[in-house]
Amino acid sequence: MLCKLVDPEDDETEPMVWRNIGPEPASIPAAQAPAARGLAPISKSVPTSKFGARASEHANQLAQLQTRIAELEAQIPLETQKARQAGMEQGLRQAREEASAEMQGALDRLASTIQELAQVKRKIRHEAETELVKLALAIARRILHREVSADPQSICGIVYAALQRLQNREIARIRVYPAALQAVRSALERNGGLAAIELIPDTLLQPGGIVFETALGELDASVDTQLQEIERGFADRLQG
C-alpha cells in the first residue's frame, strides 16, 4: 500500500466528524461527573494539619530513640569496664578462697606432721635412753663380774652395805658364791660379833652373788640383783 506525506500547511483536507450512534447523553454537572462514572469525588482542598502533627510526633519519637541509642552506646564502654572489673574481682576472690583452702590444708598437714614428728622424737628419745641405760648396766655388770671374779675381796663392800640395811637384825645364815666364801668370813670377823653366822657356799649363785637369810625374810645383795633394781629405777624415771 502506498502512502503520501502531506504538509500540514498545504493540507486542504477537511477534518472528519464522528457521529454518535446512540442518544446523546444528558448533560452532567462537572461536580457530579466523577460520581457518575463510579468514582469518589476528589476534594479540591486536602487538610495538612493532622499529617503535620503526626510527622512532628514521629520526628520527636525518632529523636528520643536516637538520643537513647546514643546514651546506651555511651554506656557500653562503662558497662564493659564494670563487667570486666566485676569478673576480675570475682576471679581474684575465688582464687583467694581456693588459695586459702589449699593453704589451710597445707597447714593442717604440716601441723599433723609436726605432731607425728614430736611423737616420733619422744619415742626415739625414750628408746635411745632405754637402750643407753641397758647398755650402761650391761657394761657395769661385766665390769663388776670381772672385778669380783678377779678379786673376791671386792665383795666386802657389798657385805658392809647389806649389814647397814639390815641394821643388825638377827641373821640366820649367808649364802655366797663359793669363790667369795673366805672374803665374806673375813668381812664378818672384822665387823665383830658376827663371826658365828653360818656361811654356806652356793654354786647356783653367779660371781658377786650373796644372800642374807633372816627371821623376817631374805635380802639378796648380789651384784645382779642390785643392777636390776637400778635398771627398774631408770625405767620408772624414763616412763614418768
C-alpha atoms as a PDB file:
ATOM      1  CA  MET A   1       0.000   0.000   0.000  1.00  0.00           C
ATOM      2  CA  LEU A   2       1.216   3.442  -0.961  1.00  0.00           C
ATOM      3  CA  CYS A   3       1.088   6.411   1.365  1.00  0.00           C
ATOM      4  CA  LYS A   4       1.718  10.087   0.799  1.00  0.00           C
ATOM      5  CA  LEU A   5       3.183  12.557   3.217  1.00  0.00           C
ATOM      6  CA  VAL A   6       1.216  15.786   3.269  1.00  0.00           C
ATOM      7  CA  ASP A   7       2.430  19.073   4.541  1.00  0.00           C
ATOM      8  CA  PRO A   8       0.014  20.349   7.198  1.00  0.00           C
ATOM      9  CA  GLU A   9       0.204  23.840   5.808  1.00  0.00           C
ATOM     10  CA  ASP A  10      -0.797  22.672   2.355  1.00  0.00           C
ATOM     11  CA  ASP A  11      -3.369  20.160   3.600  1.00  0.00           C
ATOM     12  CA  GLU A  12      -6.804  21.160   2.432  1.00  0.00           C
ATOM     13  CA  THR A  13      -8.497  18.030   3.740  1.00  0.00           C
ATOM     14  CA  GLU A  14     -11.473  18.646   5.957  1.00  0.00           C
ATOM     15  CA  PRO A  15     -11.455  17.049   9.328  1.00  0.00           C
ATOM     16  CA  MET A  16     -13.604  14.003   9.854  1.00  0.00           C
ATOM     17  CA  VAL A  17     -16.510  14.364  12.174  1.00  0.00           C
ATOM     18  CA  TRP A  18     -17.570  11.272  14.144  1.00  0.00           C
ATOM     19  CA  ARG A  19     -21.246  10.954  14.767  1.00  0.00           C
ATOM     20  CA  ASN A  20     -22.843   9.443  17.832  1.00  0.00           C
ATOM     21  CA  ILE A  21     -24.928   6.418  17.094  1.00  0.00           C
ATOM     22  CA  GLY A  22     -26.904   6.308  20.396  1.00  0.00           C
ATOM     23  CA  PRO A  23     -28.822   9.021  22.085  1.00  0.00           C
ATOM     24  CA  GLU A  24     -26.895  11.955  23.271  1.00  0.00           C
ATOM     25  CA  PRO A  25     -26.101  11.770  26.958  1.00  0.00           C
ATOM     26  CA  ALA A  26     -27.710  14.231  29.235  1.00  0.00           C
ATOM     27  CA  SER A  27     -25.526  16.957  30.375  1.00  0.00           C
ATOM     28  CA  ILE A  28     -23.937  16.089  33.710  1.00  0.00           C
ATOM     29  CA  PRO A  29     -22.625  18.770  36.002  1.00  0.00           C
ATOM     30  CA  ALA A  30     -18.877  18.813  36.335  1.00  0.00           C
ATOM     31  CA  ALA A  31     -19.044  18.287  40.116  1.00  0.00           C
ATOM     32  CA  GLN A  32     -21.067  15.110  39.660  1.00  0.00           C
ATOM     33  CA  ALA A  33     -19.127  13.775  36.706  1.00  0.00           C
ATOM     34  CA  PRO A  34     -16.759  11.526  38.699  1.00  0.00           C
ATOM     35  CA  ALA A  35     -19.633  10.135  40.735  1.00  0.00           C
ATOM     36  CA  ALA A  36     -21.480   9.338  37.602  1.00  0.00           C
ATOM     37  CA  ARG A  37     -18.534   7.297  36.427  1.00  0.00           C
ATOM     38  CA  GLY A  38     -18.463   5.326  39.773  1.00  0.00           C
ATOM     39  CA  LEU A  39     -15.561   7.315  41.187  1.00  0.00           C
ATOM     40  CA  ALA A  40     -15.372   9.177  44.512  1.00  0.00           C
ATOM     41  CA  PRO A  41     -15.226  12.899  44.158  1.00  0.00           C
ATOM     42  CA  ILE A  42     -11.833  14.402  44.531  1.00  0.00           C
ATOM     43  CA  SER A  43     -11.632  17.015  47.241  1.00  0.00           C
ATOM     44  CA  LYS A  44     -10.135  20.170  45.973  1.00  0.00           C
ATOM     45  CA  SER A  45      -8.628  21.101  49.455  1.00  0.00           C
ATOM     46  CA  VAL A  46      -6.611  18.403  51.452  1.00  0.00           C
ATOM     47  CA  PRO A  47      -6.116  19.162  55.228  1.00  0.00           C
ATOM     48  CA  THR A  48      -2.417  19.071  56.183  1.00  0.00           C
ATOM     49  CA  SER A  49      -2.550  19.941  59.923  1.00  0.00           C
ATOM     50  CA  LYS A  50      -3.239  16.335  61.042  1.00  0.00           C
ATOM     51  CA  PHE A  51      -0.443  14.856  58.934  1.00  0.00           C
ATOM     52  CA  GLY A  52       1.934  17.521  60.168  1.00  0.00           C
ATOM     53  CA  ALA A  53       1.192  16.733  63.811  1.00  0.00           C
ATOM     54  CA  ARG A  54       1.822  13.031  63.203  1.00  0.00           C
ATOM     55  CA  ALA A  55       5.029  13.772  61.369  1.00  0.00           C
ATOM     56  CA  SER A  56       6.178  16.039  64.183  1.00  0.00           C
ATOM     57  CA  GLU A  57       5.320  13.342  66.766  1.00  0.00           C
ATOM     58  CA  HIS A  58       7.206  10.733  64.777  1.00  0.00           C
ATOM     59  CA  ALA A  59      10.147  13.069  64.463  1.00  0.00           C
ATOM     60  CA  ASN A  60      10.158  13.623  68.238  1.00  0.00           C
ATOM     61  CA  GLN A  61       9.986   9.884  68.896  1.00  0.00           C
ATOM     62  CA  LEU A  62      12.798   9.298  66.421  1.00  0.00           C
ATOM     63  CA  ALA A  63      14.868  11.982  68.106  1.00  0.00           C
ATOM     64  CA  GLN A  64      14.218  10.412  71.525  1.00  0.00           C
ATOM     65  CA  LEU A  65      15.168   6.983  70.208  1.00  0.00           C
ATOM     66  CA  GLN A  66      18.335   8.365  68.700  1.00  0.00           C
ATOM     67  CA  THR A  67      19.154  10.093  71.999  1.00  0.00           C
ATOM     68  CA  ARG A  68      18.514   6.873  73.925  1.00  0.00           C
ATOM     69  CA  ILE A  69      20.628   4.900  71.478  1.00  0.00           C
ATOM     70  CA  ALA A  70      23.424   7.433  71.894  1.00  0.00           C
ATOM     71  CA  GLU A  71      23.158   7.153  75.690  1.00  0.00           C
ATOM     72  CA  LEU A  72      23.252   3.365  75.542  1.00  0.00           C
ATOM     73  CA  GLU A  73      26.203   3.441  73.180  1.00  0.00           C
ATOM     74  CA  ALA A  74      27.965   5.829  75.541  1.00  0.00           C
ATOM     75  CA  GLN A  75      27.284   3.466  78.447  1.00  0.00           C
ATOM     76  CA  ILE A  76      28.670   0.409  76.633  1.00  0.00           C
ATOM     77  CA  PRO A  77      32.359   1.105  77.482  1.00  0.00           C
ATOM     78  CA  LEU A  78      31.436   1.882  81.099  1.00  0.00           C
ATOM     79  CA  GLU A  79      29.295  -1.248  81.448  1.00  0.00           C
ATOM     80  CA  THR A  80      32.001  -3.282  79.753  1.00  0.00           C
ATOM     81  CA  GLN A  81      34.572  -1.900  82.168  1.00  0.00           C
ATOM     82  CA  LYS A  82      32.285  -2.640  85.116  1.00  0.00           C
ATOM     83  CA  ALA A  83      31.664  -6.175  83.893  1.00  0.00           C
ATOM     84  CA  ARG A  84      35.380  -6.706  83.355  1.00  0.00           C
ATOM     85  CA  GLN A  85      36.164  -5.294  86.801  1.00  0.00           C
ATOM     86  CA  ALA A  86      33.464  -7.438  88.420  1.00  0.00           C
ATOM     87  CA  GLY A  87      34.799 -10.507  86.631  1.00  0.00           C
ATOM     88  CA  MET A  88      38.345  -9.740  87.769  1.00  0.00           C
ATOM     89  CA  GLU A  89      37.210  -9.194  91.361  1.00  0.00           C
ATOM     90  CA  GLN A  90      35.199 -12.409  91.323  1.00  0.00           C
ATOM     91  CA  GLY A  91      38.147 -14.283  89.850  1.00  0.00           C
ATOM     92  CA  LEU A  92      40.521 -12.824  92.450  1.00  0.00           C
ATOM     93  CA  ARG A  93      38.078 -13.614  95.248  1.00  0.00           C
ATOM     94  CA  GLN A  94      37.682 -17.175  94.022  1.00  0.00           C
ATOM     95  CA  ALA A  95      41.447 -17.516  93.641  1.00  0.00           C
ATOM     96  CA  ARG A  96      41.955 -16.210  97.184  1.00  0.00           C
ATOM     97  CA  GLU A  97      39.382 -18.637  98.543  1.00  0.00           C
ATOM     98  CA  GLU A  98      40.988 -21.551  96.710  1.00  0.00           C
ATOM     99  CA  ALA A  99      44.461 -20.461  97.813  1.00  0.00           C
ATOM    100  CA  SER A 100      43.216 -20.044 101.389  1.00  0.00           C
ATOM    101  CA  ALA A 101      41.669 -23.524 101.309  1.00  0.00           C
ATOM    102  CA  GLU A 102      44.876 -25.014  99.917  1.00  0.00           C
ATOM    103  CA  MET A 103      46.961 -23.112 102.480  1.00  0.00           C
ATOM    104  CA  GLN A 104      44.718 -24.280 105.316  1.00  0.00           C
ATOM    105  CA  GLY A 105      45.018 -27.844 104.095  1.00  0.00           C
ATOM    106  CA  ALA A 106      48.802 -27.491 103.901  1.00  0.00           C
ATOM    107  CA  LEU A 107      48.896 -26.001 107.420  1.00  0.00           C
ATOM    108  CA  ASP A 108      46.758 -28.846 108.751  1.00  0.00           C
ATOM    109  CA  ARG A 109      49.050 -31.408 107.122  1.00  0.00           C
ATOM    110  CA  LEU A 110      52.097 -29.566 108.473  1.00  0.00           C
ATOM    111  CA  ALA A 111      50.624 -29.476 111.989  1.00  0.00           C
ATOM    112  CA  SER A 112      49.863 -33.188 111.762  1.00  0.00           C
ATOM    113  CA  THR A 113      53.381 -33.881 110.528  1.00  0.00           C
ATOM    114  CA  ILE A 114      54.898 -31.807 113.343  1.00  0.00           C
ATOM    115  CA  GLN A 115      52.790 -33.681 115.877  1.00  0.00           C
ATOM    116  CA  GLU A 116      53.849 -37.010 114.410  1.00  0.00           C
ATOM    117  CA  LEU A 117      57.490 -35.892 114.448  1.00  0.00           C
ATOM    118  CA  ALA A 118      57.150 -34.847 118.079  1.00  0.00           C
ATOM    119  CA  GLN A 119      55.737 -38.247 118.953  1.00  0.00           C
ATOM    120  CA  VAL A 120      58.463 -39.978 116.969  1.00  0.00           C
ATOM    121  CA  LYS A 121      61.055 -37.790 118.655  1.00  0.00           C
ATOM    122  CA  ARG A 122      59.760 -38.706 122.105  1.00  0.00           C
ATOM    123  CA  LYS A 123      59.629 -42.342 121.113  1.00  0.00           C
ATOM    124  CA  ILE A 124      63.162 -42.288 119.704  1.00  0.00           C
ATOM    125  CA  ARG A 125      64.461 -40.436 122.746  1.00  0.00           C
ATOM    126  CA  HIS A 126      62.736 -42.872 125.079  1.00  0.00           C
ATOM    127  CA  GLU A 127      64.046 -45.844 123.138  1.00  0.00           C
ATOM    128  CA  ALA A 128      67.512 -44.295 122.973  1.00  0.00           C
ATOM    129  CA  GLU A 129      67.525 -43.572 126.713  1.00  0.00           C
ATOM    130  CA  THR A 130      66.259 -47.057 127.469  1.00  0.00           C
ATOM    131  CA  GLU A 131      68.887 -48.611 125.253  1.00  0.00           C
ATOM    132  CA  LEU A 132      71.516 -46.356 126.774  1.00  0.00           C
ATOM    133  CA  VAL A 133      70.543 -47.445 130.282  1.00  0.00           C
ATOM    134  CA  LYS A 134      70.595 -51.093 129.260  1.00  0.00           C
ATOM    135  CA  LEU A 135      73.999 -50.622 127.646  1.00  0.00           C
ATOM    136  CA  ALA A 136      75.392 -48.853 130.716  1.00  0.00           C
ATOM    137  CA  LEU A 137      74.066 -51.540 133.038  1.00  0.00           C
ATOM    138  CA  ALA A 138      75.410 -54.283 130.800  1.00  0.00           C
ATOM    139  CA  ILE A 139      78.835 -52.638 130.877  1.00  0.00           C
ATOM    140  CA  ALA A 140      78.631 -52.210 134.669  1.00  0.00           C
ATOM    141  CA  ARG A 141      77.576 -55.845 135.077  1.00  0.00           C
ATOM    142  CA  ARG A 142      80.548 -57.080 133.059  1.00  0.00           C
ATOM    143  CA  ILE A 143      82.958 -54.850 134.961  1.00  0.00           C
ATOM    144  CA  LEU A 144      81.619 -55.905 138.370  1.00  0.00           C
ATOM    145  CA  HIS A 145      81.587 -59.579 137.462  1.00  0.00           C
ATOM    146  CA  ARG A 146      85.149 -59.340 136.265  1.00  0.00           C
ATOM    147  CA  GLU A 147      86.119 -57.397 139.392  1.00  0.00           C
ATOM    148  CA  VAL A 148      84.609 -59.856 141.869  1.00  0.00           C
ATOM    149  CA  SER A 149      85.973 -62.782 139.883  1.00  0.00           C
ATOM    150  CA  ALA A 150      89.497 -61.374 139.840  1.00  0.00           C
ATOM    151  CA  ASP A 151      89.386 -60.047 143.414  1.00  0.00           C
ATOM    152  CA  PRO A 152      86.953 -61.835 145.769  1.00  0.00           C
ATOM    153  CA  GLN A 153      87.800 -59.271 148.478  1.00  0.00           C
ATOM    154  CA  SER A 154      85.868 -56.677 146.464  1.00  0.00           C
ATOM    155  CA  ILE A 155      82.643 -58.263 147.720  1.00  0.00           C
ATOM    156  CA  CYS A 156      83.374 -56.931 151.182  1.00  0.00           C
ATOM    157  CA  GLY A 157      81.835 -53.604 150.273  1.00  0.00           C
ATOM    158  CA  ILE A 158      78.579 -55.384 149.371  1.00  0.00           C
ATOM    159  CA  VAL A 159      78.659 -57.169 152.739  1.00  0.00           C
ATOM    160  CA  TYR A 160      79.085 -53.932 154.715  1.00  0.00           C
ATOM    161  CA  ALA A 161      76.259 -52.223 152.755  1.00  0.00           C
ATOM    162  CA  ALA A 162      73.927 -55.178 153.378  1.00  0.00           C
ATOM    163  CA  LEU A 163      74.678 -55.172 157.129  1.00  0.00           C
ATOM    164  CA  GLN A 164      73.781 -51.465 157.304  1.00  0.00           C
ATOM    165  CA  ARG A 165      70.492 -52.108 155.565  1.00  0.00           C
ATOM    166  CA  LEU A 166      69.675 -54.982 157.930  1.00  0.00           C
ATOM    167  CA  GLN A 167      70.579 -52.776 160.936  1.00  0.00           C
ATOM    168  CA  ASN A 168      71.962 -55.667 162.982  1.00  0.00           C
ATOM    169  CA  ARG A 169      68.907 -57.812 162.571  1.00  0.00           C
ATOM    170  CA  GLU A 170      69.278 -61.430 163.553  1.00  0.00           C
ATOM    171  CA  ILE A 171      70.930 -63.106 160.623  1.00  0.00           C
ATOM    172  CA  ALA A 172      70.482 -66.875 160.429  1.00  0.00           C
ATOM    173  CA  ARG A 173      72.916 -67.624 157.620  1.00  0.00           C
ATOM    174  CA  ILE A 174      74.517 -66.209 154.497  1.00  0.00           C
ATOM    175  CA  ARG A 175      74.670 -67.900 151.110  1.00  0.00           C
ATOM    176  CA  VAL A 176      77.507 -66.778 148.894  1.00  0.00           C
ATOM    177  CA  TYR A 177      79.136 -67.927 145.663  1.00  0.00           C
ATOM    178  CA  PRO A 178      81.989 -70.283 146.566  1.00  0.00           C
ATOM    179  CA  ALA A 179      84.923 -68.163 145.411  1.00  0.00           C
ATOM    180  CA  ALA A 180      83.993 -65.349 147.808  1.00  0.00           C
ATOM    181  CA  LEU A 181      83.350 -67.509 150.903  1.00  0.00           C
ATOM    182  CA  GLN A 182      86.597 -66.647 152.670  1.00  0.00           C
ATOM    183  CA  ALA A 183      86.345 -62.957 151.838  1.00  0.00           C
ATOM    184  CA  VAL A 184      82.848 -62.783 153.359  1.00  0.00           C
ATOM    185  CA  ARG A 185      84.033 -64.591 156.529  1.00  0.00           C
ATOM    186  CA  SER A 186      86.885 -62.113 156.947  1.00  0.00           C
ATOM    187  CA  ALA A 187      84.491 -59.188 156.496  1.00  0.00           C
ATOM    188  CA  LEU A 188      82.152 -60.562 159.169  1.00  0.00           C
ATOM    189  CA  GLU A 189      85.022 -61.087 161.592  1.00  0.00           C
ATOM    190  CA  ARG A 190      86.238 -57.541 161.086  1.00  0.00           C
ATOM    191  CA  ASN A 191      82.742 -56.282 161.745  1.00  0.00           C
ATOM    192  CA  GLY A 192      82.787 -58.067 165.168  1.00  0.00           C
ATOM    193  CA  GLY A 193      80.124 -60.159 166.819  1.00  0.00           C
ATOM    194  CA  LEU A 194      79.010 -61.724 163.544  1.00  0.00           C
ATOM    195  CA  ALA A 195      81.658 -64.372 163.249  1.00  0.00           C
ATOM    196  CA  ALA A 196      79.237 -67.086 164.423  1.00  0.00           C
ATOM    197  CA  ILE A 197      76.903 -66.600 161.409  1.00  0.00           C
ATOM    198  CA  GLU A 198      76.671 -69.707 159.249  1.00  0.00           C
ATOM    199  CA  LEU A 199      78.183 -69.261 155.795  1.00  0.00           C
ATOM    200  CA  ILE A 200      77.000 -71.562 153.018  1.00  0.00           C
ATOM    201  CA  PRO A 201      78.715 -71.732 149.601  1.00  0.00           C
ATOM    202  CA  ASP A 202      76.019 -71.739 146.897  1.00  0.00           C
ATOM    203  CA  THR A 203      77.077 -72.950 143.488  1.00  0.00           C
ATOM    204  CA  LEU A 204      73.847 -71.633 141.945  1.00  0.00           C
ATOM    205  CA  LEU A 205      74.916 -68.047 142.554  1.00  0.00           C
ATOM    206  CA  GLN A 206      76.853 -66.059 139.952  1.00  0.00           C
ATOM    207  CA  PRO A 207      80.075 -64.224 140.808  1.00  0.00           C
ATOM    208  CA  GLY A 208      79.139 -61.376 143.107  1.00  0.00           C
ATOM    209  CA  GLY A 209      76.087 -63.242 144.402  1.00  0.00           C
ATOM    210  CA  ILE A 210      75.307 -63.120 148.144  1.00  0.00           C
ATOM    211  CA  VAL A 211      72.006 -63.672 150.028  1.00  0.00           C
ATOM    212  CA  PHE A 212      71.330 -62.848 153.696  1.00  0.00           C
ATOM    213  CA  GLU A 213      68.687 -65.020 155.393  1.00  0.00           C
ATOM    214  CA  THR A 214      66.912 -63.570 158.433  1.00  0.00           C
ATOM    215  CA  ALA A 215      63.859 -64.445 160.501  1.00  0.00           C
ATOM    216  CA  LEU A 216      61.902 -61.817 158.544  1.00  0.00           C
ATOM    217  CA  GLY A 217      62.987 -62.985 155.120  1.00  0.00           C
ATOM    218  CA  GLU A 218      65.879 -62.815 152.678  1.00  0.00           C
ATOM    219  CA  LEU A 219      67.987 -59.928 151.446  1.00  0.00           C
ATOM    220  CA  ASP A 220      69.523 -60.557 148.045  1.00  0.00           C
ATOM    221  CA  ALA A 221      72.547 -58.245 147.930  1.00  0.00           C
ATOM    222  CA  SER A 222      74.029 -59.819 144.798  1.00  0.00           C
ATOM    223  CA  VAL A 223      75.557 -57.626 142.124  1.00  0.00           C
ATOM    224  CA  ASP A 224      72.987 -58.699 139.500  1.00  0.00           C
ATOM    225  CA  THR A 225      70.077 -58.029 141.851  1.00  0.00           C
ATOM    226  CA  GLN A 226      71.321 -54.502 142.630  1.00  0.00           C
ATOM    227  CA  LEU A 227      71.836 -53.807 138.939  1.00  0.00           C
ATOM    228  CA  GLN A 228      68.274 -54.978 138.237  1.00  0.00           C
ATOM    229  CA  GLU A 229      66.967 -52.583 140.885  1.00  0.00           C
ATOM    230  CA  ILE A 230      68.926 -49.760 139.287  1.00  0.00           C
ATOM    231  CA  GLU A 231      67.506 -50.687 135.884  1.00  0.00           C
ATOM    232  CA  ARG A 232      63.927 -50.653 137.216  1.00  0.00           C
ATOM    233  CA  GLY A 233      64.553 -47.257 138.782  1.00  0.00           C
ATOM    234  CA  PHE A 234      65.756 -45.856 135.455  1.00  0.00           C
ATOM    235  CA  ALA A 235      62.798 -47.416 133.633  1.00  0.00           C
ATOM    236  CA  ASP A 236      60.321 -45.820 136.065  1.00  0.00           C
ATOM    237  CA  ARG A 237      62.016 -42.471 135.662  1.00  0.00           C
ATOM    238  CA  LEU A 238      62.001 -42.679 131.860  1.00  0.00           C
ATOM    239  CA  GLN A 239      58.319 -43.603 131.771  1.00  0.00           C
ATOM    240  CA  GLY A 240      57.473 -40.707 134.065  1.00  0.00           C
END
